[in-house]
Amino acid sequence: MQNPHQISVLQIIAQFKGRLDDETVHDCRDMAEDGEWGIAFEKLCDDLFEFDIVPTQAEYDVIALIGKRMGMSPETWIFLAPPPGRLS
């Protein structure tokens, strides 16, 4: 049975399919499905940064909400904030 954190992490991972390479998406998804949703979330954030993928404001808001609900430090995702004035 999946818990709400796992479902949220799986959903945000799926949003970056096509922008992250398939192996990265697969690795993150496997971690989340194996109950390591915190590690999967951290890996997703790190990989988005490493591969210069800037989330939209809406995606960033979801990432921040998931992180907060999981009780994680904002330092896990704060560096992903879209630049000011970005519309998409």
PDB file of N, CA and C in Angstrom:
ATOM      1  N   MET A   1       0.840  -1.187   0.000  1.00  0.00           N
ATOM      2  CA  MET A   1       0.000   0.000   0.000  1.00  0.00           C
ATOM      3  C   MET A   1       0.885   1.250   0.000  1.00  0.00           C
ATOM      4  N   GLN A   2       0.568   2.174  -0.862  1.00  0.00           N
ATOM      5  CA  GLN A   2       1.336   3.416  -0.954  1.00  0.00           C
ATOM      6  C   GLN A   2       0.807   4.421   0.065  1.00  0.00           C
ATOM      7  N   ASN A   3       1.726   5.223   0.610  1.00  0.00           N
ATOM      8  CA  ASN A   3       1.273   6.282   1.505  1.00  0.00           C
ATOM      9  C   ASN A   3       1.230   7.600   0.732  1.00  0.00           C
ATOM     10  N   PRO A   4       0.633   8.639   1.296  1.00  0.00           N
ATOM     11  CA  PRO A   4       0.482   9.907   0.567  1.00  0.00           C
ATOM     12  C   PRO A   4       1.808  10.530   0.130  1.00  0.00           C
ATOM     13  N   HIS A   5       2.864  10.395   0.958  1.00  0.00           N
ATOM     14  CA  HIS A   5       4.163  10.954   0.564  1.00  0.00           C
ATOM     15  C   HIS A   5       4.694  10.240  -0.672  1.00  0.00           C
ATOM     16  N   GLN A   6       4.588   8.922  -0.676  1.00  0.00           N
ATOM     17  CA  GLN A   6       5.072   8.136  -1.801  1.00  0.00           C
ATOM     18  C   GLN A   6       4.313   8.515  -3.074  1.00  0.00           C
ATOM     19  N   ILE A   7       3.010   8.645  -2.975  1.00  0.00           N
ATOM     20  CA  ILE A   7       2.197   9.005  -4.135  1.00  0.00           C
ATOM     21  C   ILE A   7       2.591  10.391  -4.647  1.00  0.00           C
ATOM     22  N   SER A   8       2.760  11.353  -3.741  1.00  0.00           N
ATOM     23  CA  SER A   8       3.152  12.708  -4.144  1.00  0.00           C
ATOM     24  C   SER A   8       4.504  12.716  -4.836  1.00  0.00           C
ATOM     25  N   VAL A   9       5.462  11.981  -4.280  1.00  0.00           N
ATOM     26  CA  VAL A   9       6.802  11.935  -4.875  1.00  0.00           C
ATOM     27  C   VAL A   9       6.733  11.280  -6.252  1.00  0.00           C
ATOM     28  N   LEU A  10       5.989  10.195  -6.377  1.00  0.00           N
ATOM     29  CA  LEU A  10       5.844   9.538  -7.682  1.00  0.00           C
ATOM     30  C   LEU A  10       5.213  10.485  -8.705  1.00  0.00           C
ATOM     31  N   GLN A  11       4.239  11.270  -8.278  1.00  0.00           N
ATOM     32  CA  GLN A  11       3.580  12.200  -9.199  1.00  0.00           C
ATOM     33  C   GLN A  11       4.526  13.298  -9.669  1.00  0.00           C
ATOM     34  N   ILE A  12       5.334  13.854  -8.763  1.00  0.00           N
ATOM     35  CA  ILE A  12       6.241  14.926  -9.182  1.00  0.00           C
ATOM     36  C   ILE A  12       7.366  14.362 -10.047  1.00  0.00           C
ATOM     37  N   ILE A  13       7.821  13.154  -9.759  1.00  0.00           N
ATOM     38  CA  ILE A  13       8.835  12.521 -10.616  1.00  0.00           C
ATOM     39  C   ILE A  13       8.284  12.399 -12.033  1.00  0.00           C
ATOM     40  N   ALA A  14       7.047  11.943 -12.155  1.00  0.00           N
ATOM     41  CA  ALA A  14       6.432  11.749 -13.471  1.00  0.00           C
ATOM     42  C   ALA A  14       6.345  13.053 -14.257  1.00  0.00           C
ATOM     43  N   GLN A  15       6.220  14.180 -13.574  1.00  0.00           N
ATOM     44  CA  GLN A  15       6.121  15.464 -14.277  1.00  0.00           C
ATOM     45  C   GLN A  15       7.407  15.822 -15.015  1.00  0.00           C
ATOM     46  N   PHE A  16       8.521  15.239 -14.607  1.00  0.00           N
ATOM     47  CA  PHE A  16       9.793  15.583 -15.243  1.00  0.00           C
ATOM     48  C   PHE A  16      10.244  14.539 -16.259  1.00  0.00           C
ATOM     49  N   LYS A  17       9.387  13.555 -16.532  1.00  0.00           N
ATOM     50  CA  LYS A  17       9.686  12.584 -17.579  1.00  0.00           C
ATOM     51  C   LYS A  17       9.761  13.330 -18.903  1.00  0.00           C
ATOM     52  N   GLY A  18      10.818  13.090 -19.638  1.00  0.00           N
ATOM     53  CA  GLY A  18      11.031  13.793 -20.897  1.00  0.00           C
ATOM     54  C   GLY A  18      12.002  14.954 -20.755  1.00  0.00           C
ATOM     55  N   ARG A  19      12.118  15.488 -19.551  1.00  0.00           N
ATOM     56  CA  ARG A  19      13.111  16.539 -19.302  1.00  0.00           C
ATOM     57  C   ARG A  19      14.326  15.967 -18.586  1.00  0.00           C
ATOM     58  N   LEU A  20      14.099  14.969 -17.748  1.00  0.00           N
ATOM     59  CA  LEU A  20      15.199  14.204 -17.165  1.00  0.00           C
ATOM     60  C   LEU A  20      15.362  12.940 -17.999  1.00  0.00           C
ATOM     61  N   ASP A  21      16.573  12.398 -18.023  1.00  0.00           N
ATOM     62  CA  ASP A  21      16.763  11.179 -18.813  1.00  0.00           C
ATOM     63  C   ASP A  21      16.002  10.014 -18.169  1.00  0.00           C
ATOM     64  N   ASP A  22      15.705   9.021 -18.988  1.00  0.00           N
ATOM     65  CA  ASP A  22      14.881   7.893 -18.542  1.00  0.00           C
ATOM     66  C   ASP A  22      15.485   7.162 -17.349  1.00  0.00           C
ATOM     67  N   GLU A  23      16.807   7.011 -17.331  1.00  0.00           N
ATOM     68  CA  GLU A  23      17.461   6.296 -16.233  1.00  0.00           C
ATOM     69  C   GLU A  23      17.256   7.024 -14.901  1.00  0.00           C
ATOM     70  N   THR A  24      17.381   8.338 -14.924  1.00  0.00           N
ATOM     71  CA  THR A  24      17.191   9.128 -13.705  1.00  0.00           C
ATOM     72  C   THR A  24      15.754   9.008 -13.210  1.00  0.00           C
ATOM     73  N   VAL A  25      14.799   9.136 -14.111  1.00  0.00           N
ATOM     74  CA  VAL A  25      13.386   9.000 -13.741  1.00  0.00           C
ATOM     75  C   VAL A  25      13.133   7.608 -13.168  1.00  0.00           C
ATOM     76  N   HIS A  26      13.683   6.599 -13.826  1.00  0.00           N
ATOM     77  CA  HIS A  26      13.512   5.211 -13.384  1.00  0.00           C
ATOM     78  C   HIS A  26      14.097   5.005 -11.986  1.00  0.00           C
ATOM     79  N   ASP A  27      15.313   5.518 -11.765  1.00  0.00           N
ATOM     80  CA  ASP A  27      15.965   5.377 -10.452  1.00  0.00           C
ATOM     81  C   ASP A  27      15.140   6.044  -9.353  1.00  0.00           C
ATOM     82  N   CYS A  28      14.686   7.263  -9.609  1.00  0.00           N
ATOM     83  CA  CYS A  28      13.873   7.978  -8.615  1.00  0.00           C
ATOM     84  C   CYS A  28      12.570   7.236  -8.337  1.00  0.00           C
ATOM     85  N   ARG A  29      11.934   6.770  -9.393  1.00  0.00           N
ATOM     86  CA  ARG A  29      10.664   6.050  -9.242  1.00  0.00           C
ATOM     87  C   ARG A  29      10.864   4.752  -8.452  1.00  0.00           C
ATOM     88  N   ASP A  30      11.947   4.010  -8.766  1.00  0.00           N
ATOM     89  CA  ASP A  30      12.230   2.770  -8.043  1.00  0.00           C
ATOM     90  C   ASP A  30      12.431   3.025  -6.553  1.00  0.00           C
ATOM     91  N   MET A  31      13.172   4.088  -6.225  1.00  0.00           N
ATOM     92  CA  MET A  31      13.396   4.416  -4.812  1.00  0.00           C
ATOM     93  C   MET A  31      12.072   4.703  -4.107  1.00  0.00           C
ATOM     94  N   ALA A  32      11.232   5.503  -4.747  1.00  0.00           N
ATOM     95  CA  ALA A  32       9.941   5.852  -4.146  1.00  0.00           C
ATOM     96  C   ALA A  32       9.058   4.615  -3.988  1.00  0.00           C
ATOM     97  N   GLU A  33       9.034   3.766  -5.003  1.00  0.00           N
ATOM     98  CA  GLU A  33       8.212   2.559  -4.941  1.00  0.00           C
ATOM     99  C   GLU A  33       8.712   1.586  -3.880  1.00  0.00           C
ATOM    100  N   ASP A  34      10.012   1.644  -3.575  1.00  0.00           N
ATOM    101  CA  ASP A  34      10.601   0.782  -2.547  1.00  0.00           C
ATOM    102  C   ASP A  34      10.491   1.386  -1.148  1.00  0.00           C
ATOM    103  N   GLY A  35       9.747   2.482  -1.018  1.00  0.00           N
ATOM    104  CA  GLY A  35       9.538   3.091   0.287  1.00  0.00           C
ATOM    105  C   GLY A  35      10.580   4.119   0.680  1.00  0.00           C
ATOM    106  N   GLU A  36      11.503   4.405  -0.211  1.00  0.00           N
ATOM    107  CA  GLU A  36      12.558   5.394   0.047  1.00  0.00           C
ATOM    108  C   GLU A  36      12.171   6.725  -0.585  1.00  0.00           C
ATOM    109  N   TRP A  37      10.955   7.213  -0.286  1.00  0.00           N
ATOM    110  CA  TRP A  37      10.453   8.411  -0.956  1.00  0.00           C
ATOM    111  C   TRP A  37      11.237   9.656  -0.589  1.00  0.00           C
ATOM    112  N   GLY A  38      11.791   9.721   0.609  1.00  0.00           N
ATOM    113  CA  GLY A  38      12.616  10.874   0.988  1.00  0.00           C
ATOM    114  C   GLY A  38      13.892  10.931   0.168  1.00  0.00           C
ATOM    115  N   ILE A  39      14.528   9.773   0.004  1.00  0.00           N
ATOM    116  CA  ILE A  39      15.746   9.711  -0.808  1.00  0.00           C
ATOM    117  C   ILE A  39      15.410   9.999  -2.265  1.00  0.00           C
ATOM    118  N   ALA A  40      14.290   9.473  -2.741  1.00  0.00           N
ATOM    119  CA  ALA A  40      13.870   9.728  -4.123  1.00  0.00           C
ATOM    120  C   ALA A  40      13.631  11.220  -4.348  1.00  0.00           C
ATOM    121  N   PHE A  41      13.003  11.871  -3.376  1.00  0.00           N
ATOM    122  CA  PHE A  41      12.732  13.305  -3.475  1.00  0.00           C
ATOM    123  C   PHE A  41      14.038  14.096  -3.505  1.00  0.00           C
ATOM    124  N   GLU A  42      14.964  13.758  -2.612  1.00  0.00           N
ATOM    125  CA  GLU A  42      16.267  14.437  -2.591  1.00  0.00           C
ATOM    126  C   GLU A  42      17.009  14.229  -3.904  1.00  0.00           C
ATOM    127  N   LYS A  43      16.983  12.995  -4.423  1.00  0.00           N
ATOM    128  CA  LYS A  43      17.662  12.701  -5.691  1.00  0.00           C
ATOM    129  C   LYS A  43      17.038  13.501  -6.826  1.00  0.00           C
ATOM    130  N   LEU A  44      15.715  13.569  -6.851  1.00  0.00           N
ATOM    131  CA  LEU A  44      15.042  14.347  -7.886  1.00  0.00           C
ATOM    132  C   LEU A  44      15.503  15.796  -7.843  1.00  0.00           C
ATOM    133  N   CYS A  45      15.494  16.395  -6.667  1.00  0.00           N
ATOM    134  CA  CYS A  45      15.913  17.796  -6.532  1.00  0.00           C
ATOM    135  C   CYS A  45      17.363  17.977  -6.971  1.00  0.00           C
ATOM    136  N   ASP A  46      18.235  17.085  -6.514  1.00  0.00           N
ATOM    137  CA  ASP A  46      19.652  17.173  -6.886  1.00  0.00           C
ATOM    138  C   ASP A  46      19.843  17.021  -8.390  1.00  0.00           C
ATOM    139  N   ASP A  47      19.129  16.067  -8.988  1.00  0.00           N
ATOM    140  CA  ASP A  47      19.287  15.832 -10.426  1.00  0.00           C
ATOM    141  C   ASP A  47      18.713  16.972 -11.258  1.00  0.00           C
ATOM    142  N   LEU A  48      17.615  17.558 -10.829  1.00  0.00           N
ATOM    143  CA  LEU A  48      17.087  18.722 -11.545  1.00  0.00           C
ATOM    144  C   LEU A  48      18.132  19.833 -11.569  1.00  0.00           C
ATOM    145  N   PHE A  49      18.771  20.060 -10.442  1.00  0.00           N
ATOM    146  CA  PHE A  49      19.813  21.087 -10.356  1.00  0.00           C
ATOM    147  C   PHE A  49      21.022  20.706 -11.209  1.00  0.00           C
ATOM    148  N   GLU A  50      21.471  19.457 -11.065  1.00  0.00           N
ATOM    149  CA  GLU A  50      22.668  19.000 -11.782  1.00  0.00           C
ATOM    150  C   GLU A  50      22.502  19.106 -13.294  1.00  0.00           C
ATOM    151  N   PHE A  51      21.313  18.804 -13.788  1.00  0.00           N
ATOM    152  CA  PHE A  51      21.074  18.815 -15.231  1.00  0.00           C
ATOM    153  C   PHE A  51      20.452  20.125 -15.714  1.00  0.00           C
ATOM    154  N   ASP A  52      20.509  21.164 -14.881  1.00  0.00           N
ATOM    155  CA  ASP A  52      20.034  22.509 -15.243  1.00  0.00           C
ATOM    156  C   ASP A  52      18.580  22.526 -15.708  1.00  0.00           C
ATOM    157  N   ILE A  53      17.753  21.775 -15.034  1.00  0.00           N
ATOM    158  CA  ILE A  53      16.325  21.762 -15.346  1.00  0.00           C
ATOM    159  C   ILE A  53      15.625  22.643 -14.316  1.00  0.00           C
ATOM    160  N   VAL A  54      15.098  23.759 -14.788  1.00  0.00           N
ATOM    161  CA  VAL A  54      14.438  24.711 -13.896  1.00  0.00           C
ATOM    162  C   VAL A  54      12.937  24.435 -13.925  1.00  0.00           C
ATOM    163  N   PRO A  55      12.368  24.076 -12.776  1.00  0.00           N
ATOM    164  CA  PRO A  55      10.929  23.838 -12.752  1.00  0.00           C
ATOM    165  C   PRO A  55      10.141  25.125 -12.983  1.00  0.00           C
ATOM    166  N   THR A  56       8.934  24.973 -13.496  1.00  0.00           N
ATOM    167  CA  THR A  56       8.038  26.124 -13.581  1.00  0.00           C
ATOM    168  C   THR A  56       7.681  26.536 -12.151  1.00  0.00           C
ATOM    169  N   GLN A  57       7.085  27.703 -12.010  1.00  0.00           N
ATOM    170  CA  GLN A  57       6.677  28.136 -10.669  1.00  0.00           C
ATOM    171  C   GLN A  57       5.687  27.145 -10.067  1.00  0.00           C
ATOM    172  N   ALA A  58       4.758  26.652 -10.886  1.00  0.00           N
ATOM    173  CA  ALA A  58       3.771  25.689 -10.388  1.00  0.00           C
ATOM    174  C   ALA A  58       4.450  24.397  -9.936  1.00  0.00           C
ATOM    175  N   GLU A  59       5.408  23.910 -10.726  1.00  0.00           N
ATOM    176  CA  GLU A  59       6.139  22.697 -10.338  1.00  0.00           C
ATOM    177  C   GLU A  59       6.935  22.936  -9.056  1.00  0.00           C
ATOM    178  N   TYR A  60       7.577  24.101  -8.979  1.00  0.00           N
ATOM    179  CA  TYR A  60       8.354  24.430  -7.784  1.00  0.00           C
ATOM    180  C   TYR A  60       7.450  24.483  -6.551  1.00  0.00           C
ATOM    181  N   ASP A  61       6.279  25.065  -6.702  1.00  0.00           N
ATOM    182  CA  ASP A  61       5.339  25.146  -5.580  1.00  0.00           C
ATOM    183  C   ASP A  61       4.949  23.750  -5.088  1.00  0.00           C
ATOM    184  N   VAL A  62       4.750  22.824  -6.021  1.00  0.00           N
ATOM    185  CA  VAL A  62       4.419  21.443  -5.646  1.00  0.00           C
ATOM    186  C   VAL A  62       5.611  20.783  -4.959  1.00  0.00           C
ATOM    187  N   ILE A  63       6.809  20.990  -5.501  1.00  0.00           N
ATOM    188  CA  ILE A  63       8.020  20.437  -4.885  1.00  0.00           C
ATOM    189  C   ILE A  63       8.144  20.942  -3.448  1.00  0.00           C
ATOM    190  N   ALA A  64       7.975  22.243  -3.257  1.00  0.00           N
ATOM    191  CA  ALA A  64       8.086  22.824  -1.915  1.00  0.00           C
ATOM    192  C   ALA A  64       7.012  22.260  -0.982  1.00  0.00           C
ATOM    193  N   LEU A  65       5.799  22.117  -1.474  1.00  0.00           N
ATOM    194  CA  LEU A  65       4.709  21.577  -0.661  1.00  0.00           C
ATOM    195  C   LEU A  65       5.005  20.139  -0.236  1.00  0.00           C
ATOM    196  N   ILE A  66       5.470  19.328  -1.176  1.00  0.00           N
ATOM    197  CA  ILE A  66       5.812  17.939  -0.858  1.00  0.00           C
ATOM    198  C   ILE A  66       6.918  17.907   0.195  1.00  0.00           C
ATOM    199  N   GLY A  67       7.959  18.693  -0.030  1.00  0.00           N
ATOM    200  CA  GLY A  67       9.066  18.726   0.924  1.00  0.00           C
ATOM    201  C   GLY A  67       8.617  19.137   2.315  1.00  0.00           C
ATOM    202  N   LYS A  68       7.774  20.159   2.388  1.00  0.00           N
ATOM    203  CA  LYS A  68       7.265  20.619   3.692  1.00  0.00           C
ATOM    204  C   LYS A  68       6.422  19.542   4.365  1.00  0.00           C
ATOM    205  N   ARG A  69       5.555  18.905   3.598  1.00  0.00           N
ATOM    206  CA  ARG A  69       4.700  17.856   4.162  1.00  0.00           C
ATOM    207  C   ARG A  69       5.517  16.668   4.666  1.00  0.00           C
ATOM    208  N   MET A  70       6.660  16.441   4.039  1.00  0.00           N
ATOM    209  CA  MET A  70       7.527  15.341   4.460  1.00  0.00           C
ATOM    210  C   MET A  70       8.426  15.751   5.625  1.00  0.00           C
ATOM    211  N   GLY A  71       8.381  17.023   6.008  1.00  0.00           N
ATOM    212  CA  GLY A  71       9.196  17.497   7.119  1.00  0.00           C
ATOM    213  C   GLY A  71      10.663  17.680   6.771  1.00  0.00           C
ATOM    214  N   MET A  72      10.939  17.872   5.491  1.00  0.00           N
ATOM    215  CA  MET A  72      12.319  18.028   5.047  1.00  0.00           C
ATOM    216  C   MET A  72      12.745  19.489   5.136  1.00  0.00           C
ATOM    217  N   SER A  73      14.035  19.692   5.192  1.00  0.00           N
ATOM    218  CA  SER A  73      14.590  21.042   5.235  1.00  0.00           C
ATOM    219  C   SER A  73      14.385  21.726   3.886  1.00  0.00           C
ATOM    220  N   PRO A  74      14.012  23.010   3.880  1.00  0.00           N
ATOM    221  CA  PRO A  74      13.887  23.741   2.616  1.00  0.00           C
ATOM    222  C   PRO A  74      15.180  23.744   1.798  1.00  0.00           C
ATOM    223  N   GLU A  75      16.308  23.513   2.449  1.00  0.00           N
ATOM    224  CA  GLU A  75      17.580  23.448   1.717  1.00  0.00           C
ATOM    225  C   GLU A  75      17.586  22.319   0.695  1.00  0.00           C
ATOM    226  N   THR A  76      16.652  21.378   0.835  1.00  0.00           N
ATOM    227  CA  THR A  76      16.546  20.267  -0.105  1.00  0.00           C
ATOM    228  C   THR A  76      16.082  20.745  -1.476  1.00  0.00           C
ATOM    229  N   TRP A  77      15.257  21.802  -1.523  1.00  0.00           N
ATOM    230  CA  TRP A  77      14.661  22.235  -2.790  1.00  0.00           C
ATOM    231  C   TRP A  77      14.808  23.726  -3.091  1.00  0.00           C
ATOM    232  N   ILE A  78      15.192  24.542  -2.144  1.00  0.00           N
ATOM    233  CA  ILE A  78      15.162  26.004  -2.322  1.00  0.00           C
ATOM    234  C   ILE A  78      15.980  26.463  -3.533  1.00  0.00           C
ATOM    235  N   PHE A  79      17.042  25.746  -3.835  1.00  0.00           N
ATOM    236  CA  PHE A  79      17.917  26.114  -4.956  1.00  0.00           C
ATOM    237  C   PHE A  79      17.262  25.886  -6.312  1.00  0.00           C
ATOM    238  N   LEU A  80      16.097  25.279  -6.330  1.00  0.00           N
ATOM    239  CA  LEU A  80      15.380  25.037  -7.587  1.00  0.00           C
ATOM    240  C   LEU A  80      14.417  26.162  -7.952  1.00  0.00           C
ATOM    241  N   ALA A  81      14.299  27.162  -7.097  1.00  0.00           N
ATOM    242  CA  ALA A  81      13.338  28.244  -7.342  1.00  0.00           C
ATOM    243  C   ALA A  81      13.579  28.883  -8.702  1.00  0.00           C
ATOM    244  N   PRO A  82      12.513  29.035  -9.489  1.00  0.00           N
ATOM    245  CA  PRO A  82      12.664  29.699 -10.786  1.00  0.00           C
ATOM    246  C   PRO A  82      13.106  31.146 -10.581  1.00  0.00           C
ATOM    247  N   PRO A  83      13.837  31.682 -11.540  1.00  0.00           N
ATOM    248  CA  PRO A  83      14.264  33.077 -11.412  1.00  0.00           C
ATOM    249  C   PRO A  83      13.057  34.018 -11.374  1.00  0.00           C
ATOM    250  N   PRO A  84      13.177  35.134 -10.660  1.00  0.00           N
ATOM    251  CA  PRO A  84      12.075  36.101 -10.600  1.00  0.00           C
ATOM    252  C   PRO A  84      11.666  36.561 -12.004  1.00  0.00           C
ATOM    253  N   GLY A  85      10.386  36.703 -12.205  1.00  0.00           N
ATOM    254  CA  GLY A  85       9.890  37.190 -13.488  1.00  0.00           C
ATOM    255  C   GLY A  85       9.653  36.106 -14.521  1.00  0.00           C
ATOM    256  N   ARG A  86      10.011  34.874 -14.205  1.00  0.00           N
ATOM    257  CA  ARG A  86       9.775  33.781 -15.150  1.00  0.00           C
ATOM    258  C   ARG A  86       8.289  33.445 -15.136  1.00  0.00           C
ATOM    259  N   LEU A  87       7.678  33.446 -16.294  1.00  0.00           N
ATOM    260  CA  LEU A  87       6.227  33.270 -16.376  1.00  0.00           C
ATOM    261  C   LEU A  87       5.785  31.822 -16.430  1.00  0.00           C
ATOM    262  N   SER A  88       6.582  30.940 -16.985  1.00  0.00           N
ATOM    263  CA  SER A  88       6.112  29.556 -17.159  1.00  0.00           C
ATOM    264  C   SER A  88       6.404  28.688 -15.981  1.00  0.00           C
TER     265      SER A  88
END
